[in-house]
N, C-alpha and C. Protein backbone atom coordinates (compact mmCIF):
# COMPACT_ATOMS: atom_id res chain seq x y z
N UNK A 1 17.47 -2.88 11.16
CA UNK A 1 18.40 -2.36 12.12
C UNK A 1 19.28 -3.34 12.76
N UNK A 2 20.11 -3.87 12.48
CA UNK A 2 21.11 -4.69 13.82
C UNK A 2 20.97 -3.75 14.73
N UNK A 3 21.23 -5.13 15.68
CA UNK A 3 21.98 -4.74 17.41
C UNK A 3 22.81 -3.82 17.65
N UNK A 4 23.74 -3.65 16.47
CA UNK A 4 25.16 -3.02 16.34
C UNK A 4 25.04 -1.43 15.77
N UNK A 5 24.11 -1.53 15.88
CA UNK A 5 23.47 0.27 15.53
C UNK A 5 24.08 0.44 14.21
N UNK A 6 24.01 -0.34 13.00
CA UNK A 6 24.18 -0.08 11.59
C UNK A 6 23.04 -0.24 10.63
N UNK A 7 22.91 0.42 9.89
CA UNK A 7 21.69 0.05 9.22
C UNK A 7 22.16 -1.19 7.97
N UNK A 8 20.94 -2.04 7.38
CA UNK A 8 20.97 -2.55 6.60
C UNK A 8 21.10 -1.93 5.25
N UNK A 9 21.80 -2.73 3.88
CA UNK A 9 21.35 -2.70 2.71
C UNK A 9 20.45 -2.17 2.70
N UNK A 10 19.11 -3.03 2.93
CA UNK A 10 17.59 -2.85 2.52
C UNK A 10 16.99 -1.66 3.12
N UNK A 11 17.14 -1.21 4.60
CA UNK A 11 17.06 0.09 5.22
C UNK A 11 17.01 0.73 4.33
N UNK A 12 18.48 1.28 4.33
CA UNK A 12 18.93 2.13 3.38
C UNK A 12 18.55 2.61 2.28
N UNK A 13 17.93 1.49 1.79
CA UNK A 13 17.50 1.77 0.08
C UNK A 13 16.05 2.19 0.13
N UNK A 14 15.56 2.06 1.01
CA UNK A 14 14.13 2.14 1.63
C UNK A 14 14.16 3.26 2.02
N UNK A 15 14.92 3.59 2.65
CA UNK A 15 14.72 5.42 3.02
C UNK A 15 14.98 6.13 2.00
N UNK A 16 15.95 5.99 1.52
CA UNK A 16 16.15 6.52 0.00
C UNK A 16 14.72 6.53 -0.80
N UNK A 17 14.33 5.56 -0.68
CA UNK A 17 13.17 5.66 -1.83
C UNK A 17 12.05 6.72 -0.52
N UNK A 18 12.33 6.34 0.28
CA UNK A 18 10.73 6.98 0.82
C UNK A 18 11.06 8.63 0.95
N UNK A 19 12.39 8.99 1.25
CA UNK A 19 12.37 10.35 1.06
C UNK A 19 12.65 11.00 -0.30
N UNK A 20 12.68 10.26 -1.00
CA UNK A 20 12.51 11.07 -2.44
C UNK A 20 11.09 10.75 -2.92
N UNK A 21 10.05 9.85 -2.01
CA UNK A 21 8.32 9.83 -2.03
C UNK A 21 8.19 11.37 -1.87
N UNK A 22 8.52 11.14 -0.58
CA UNK A 22 8.15 12.14 0.51
C UNK A 22 8.23 13.80 -0.09
N UNK A 23 9.34 13.67 -1.17
CA UNK A 23 9.89 15.12 -1.29
C UNK A 23 9.60 15.94 -2.97
N UNK A 24 8.50 14.37 -3.64
CA UNK A 24 7.77 15.02 -4.81
C UNK A 24 6.77 16.37 -4.01
N UNK A 25 6.48 16.93 -5.46
CA UNK A 25 5.27 18.17 -5.21
C UNK A 25 4.18 17.71 -4.88
N UNK A 26 4.24 16.60 -5.20
CA UNK A 26 2.30 16.34 -5.27
C UNK A 26 1.94 15.65 -3.39
N UNK A 27 3.07 14.76 -3.64
CA UNK A 27 3.40 14.81 -2.11
C UNK A 27 3.21 15.65 -0.87
N UNK A 28 3.83 16.05 -1.07
CA UNK A 28 4.12 17.77 0.12
C UNK A 28 2.51 18.31 0.18
N UNK A 29 1.85 18.53 -1.24
CA UNK A 29 0.85 19.26 -1.07
C UNK A 29 -0.21 18.67 -0.11
N UNK A 30 -0.18 17.17 -0.08
CA UNK A 30 -1.69 16.55 0.26
C UNK A 30 -1.25 16.39 1.83
N UNK A 31 0.27 16.48 2.25
CA UNK A 31 0.95 16.15 3.41
C UNK A 31 0.54 17.76 4.42
N UNK A 32 0.86 18.70 3.21
CA UNK A 32 0.09 20.58 3.88
C UNK A 32 -1.10 20.23 4.01
N UNK A 33 -2.17 19.47 3.32
CA UNK A 33 -3.61 19.61 3.62
C UNK A 33 -3.90 18.57 4.55
N UNK A 34 -3.31 17.60 4.30
CA UNK A 34 -3.62 16.92 6.60
C UNK A 34 -3.60 17.89 7.31
N UNK A 35 -1.90 18.64 7.32
CA UNK A 35 -2.16 19.02 8.44
C UNK A 35 -2.85 20.43 8.66
N UNK A 36 -3.20 20.82 7.44
CA UNK A 36 -4.45 21.83 7.59
C UNK A 36 -5.15 21.52 7.79
N UNK A 37 -6.03 20.63 7.63
CA UNK A 37 -7.44 19.74 7.99
C UNK A 37 -7.01 19.72 9.53
N UNK A 38 -5.60 19.28 10.53
CA UNK A 38 -5.11 19.06 12.14
C UNK A 38 -5.80 20.14 12.33
N UNK A 39 -5.26 21.24 12.03
CA UNK A 39 -4.95 22.66 12.64
C UNK A 39 -6.58 23.44 12.27
N UNK A 40 -7.28 22.62 11.38
CA UNK A 40 -9.22 23.28 11.49
C UNK A 40 -9.68 22.85 12.51
N UNK A 41 -9.39 21.40 12.46
CA UNK A 41 -9.96 21.10 13.92
C UNK A 41 -9.73 21.27 15.28
N UNK A 42 -8.72 21.45 15.45
CA UNK A 42 -8.46 22.14 16.61
C UNK A 42 -9.00 23.48 16.81
N UNK A 43 -8.77 24.13 16.10
CA UNK A 43 -9.16 25.67 15.88
C UNK A 43 -10.71 25.19 16.34
N UNK A 44 -11.69 24.42 15.45
CA UNK A 44 -13.00 23.92 16.11
C UNK A 44 -13.31 23.75 17.38
N UNK A 45 -12.11 23.21 17.82
CA UNK A 45 -11.84 22.93 19.53
C UNK A 45 -12.42 21.58 20.24
N UNK A 46 -11.69 20.70 18.62
CA UNK A 46 -11.59 19.17 18.49
C UNK A 46 -10.64 18.68 19.65
N UNK A 47 -10.77 17.73 19.94
CA UNK A 47 -9.68 17.39 20.47
C UNK A 47 -9.16 16.42 19.77
N UNK A 48 -7.97 16.86 18.92
CA UNK A 48 -7.60 15.10 17.90
C UNK A 48 -6.05 14.77 18.84
N UNK A 49 -5.55 14.80 20.18
CA UNK A 49 -4.40 14.48 20.40
C UNK A 49 -4.86 12.74 20.36
N UNK A 50 -3.58 12.39 20.29
CA UNK A 50 -3.09 10.57 19.79
C UNK A 50 -4.76 10.47 18.91
N UNK A 51 -5.38 10.71 18.01
CA UNK A 51 -6.22 10.58 17.07
C UNK A 51 -5.98 10.96 15.30
N UNK A 52 -6.67 10.50 14.54
CA UNK A 52 -5.93 11.11 13.48
C UNK A 52 -6.84 12.17 12.74
N UNK A 53 -7.29 12.49 12.20
CA UNK A 53 -8.25 13.54 11.13
C UNK A 53 -8.86 12.89 10.10
N UNK A 54 -9.65 11.96 10.12
CA UNK A 54 -10.12 11.19 8.41
C UNK A 54 -10.46 11.96 7.91
N UNK A 55 -10.57 11.85 6.85
CA UNK A 55 -11.51 12.41 5.34
C UNK A 55 -12.16 11.20 4.34
N UNK A 56 -13.52 12.14 5.19
CA UNK A 56 -14.65 10.62 4.11
C UNK A 56 -14.82 10.01 3.23
N UNK A 57 -14.23 11.38 2.34
CA UNK A 57 -14.03 11.08 0.92
C UNK A 57 -12.52 10.18 0.52
N UNK A 58 -11.73 10.01 1.37
CA UNK A 58 -10.16 9.73 1.16
C UNK A 58 -9.27 10.33 0.43
N UNK A 59 -10.19 11.62 0.00
CA UNK A 59 -9.16 12.93 -0.60
C UNK A 59 -8.41 13.93 0.08
N UNK A 60 -7.31 13.54 0.74
CA UNK A 60 -6.41 15.39 2.04
C UNK A 60 -6.93 16.65 1.47
N UNK A 61 -7.08 16.57 0.02
CA UNK A 61 -7.12 18.44 -0.47
C UNK A 61 -8.63 18.73 0.28
N UNK A 62 -9.57 18.06 0.37
CA UNK A 62 -10.61 18.41 0.51
C UNK A 62 -11.00 18.71 2.17
N UNK A 63 -11.01 19.49 2.59
CA UNK A 63 -10.91 19.44 3.64
C UNK A 63 -12.29 20.65 4.07
N UNK A 64 -13.16 20.43 3.56
CA UNK A 64 -14.51 20.61 3.69
C UNK A 64 -15.17 19.77 5.22
N UNK A 65 -15.96 20.93 6.07
CA UNK A 65 -16.00 20.61 7.53
C UNK A 65 -17.09 19.33 7.21
N UNK A 66 -17.36 18.28 6.31
CA UNK A 66 -18.40 18.21 6.79
C UNK A 66 -17.68 16.56 5.97
N UNK A 67 -16.53 17.25 5.74
CA UNK A 67 -15.51 16.33 4.93
C UNK A 67 -14.40 15.54 6.14
N UNK A 68 -14.56 15.85 7.06
CA UNK A 68 -13.73 16.07 8.31
C UNK A 68 -13.98 14.98 9.34
N UNK A 69 -13.59 13.62 9.78
CA UNK A 69 -14.13 13.41 11.39
C UNK A 69 -12.77 12.88 11.78
N UNK A 70 -13.28 13.34 13.19
CA UNK A 70 -11.60 12.20 14.63
C UNK A 70 -12.01 11.21 14.44
N UNK A 71 -10.85 10.26 14.67
CA UNK A 71 -11.09 8.93 14.76
C UNK A 71 -9.95 8.11 15.16
N UNK A 72 -10.07 6.94 16.11
CA UNK A 72 -8.47 6.92 16.66
C UNK A 72 -7.69 6.26 15.41
N UNK A 73 -6.68 6.29 15.97
CA UNK A 73 -5.35 5.61 14.52
C UNK A 73 -5.64 4.71 13.79
N UNK A 74 -5.80 3.46 14.63
CA UNK A 74 -5.84 2.61 14.51
C UNK A 74 -7.08 2.24 13.46
N UNK A 75 -8.58 2.86 13.76
CA UNK A 75 -9.48 2.90 12.76
C UNK A 75 -9.26 3.49 11.20
N UNK A 76 -8.61 4.51 11.68
CA UNK A 76 -8.45 5.37 9.95
C UNK A 76 -7.51 4.68 9.56
N UNK A 77 -6.40 3.81 9.60
CA UNK A 77 -4.99 3.14 9.30
C UNK A 77 -5.86 2.24 8.45
N UNK A 78 -6.98 1.59 9.29
CA UNK A 78 -7.04 0.01 8.57
C UNK A 78 -8.40 0.38 7.28
N UNK A 79 -8.73 1.67 7.39
CA UNK A 79 -10.10 1.61 6.45
C UNK A 79 -9.17 1.36 5.08
N UNK A 80 -10.01 0.64 3.80
CA UNK A 80 -8.97 0.73 2.90
C UNK A 80 -9.40 2.01 1.95
N UNK A 81 -8.28 2.57 1.87
CA UNK A 81 -8.87 4.58 1.26
C UNK A 81 -8.56 4.40 -0.31
N UNK A 82 -8.58 3.08 -0.76
CA UNK A 82 -8.10 3.00 -1.84
C UNK A 82 -9.21 2.45 -3.05
N UNK A 83 -9.61 3.31 -3.21
CA UNK A 83 -10.78 3.53 -4.19
C UNK A 83 -10.55 3.64 -5.41
C-alpha cells in the first residue's frame, strides 16, 4: 500500500487470490479444525494467549490430545511443516 491510502494492483490481486483460497471447502475445514484445537486447549486449562497450538504431525485435522502442544508463534511458524 502506498502512503496515499490506495492499494496497488498487486496488493489487490493478492487479496483476491487469498480470499479465493480461504473460501475453498478444504481450507474452511482446516481453519475450523485449528480453531477447535485452540478451544480444546483452553478448555483443558492451558493458557494459549499470544501463542499457537501446534500439531505435532502437522495435520490440523488431528486434534488428539497427544498431538497438540502450545508453543510461541515464532517457533511454530518457523517449523518446516511441509513434509
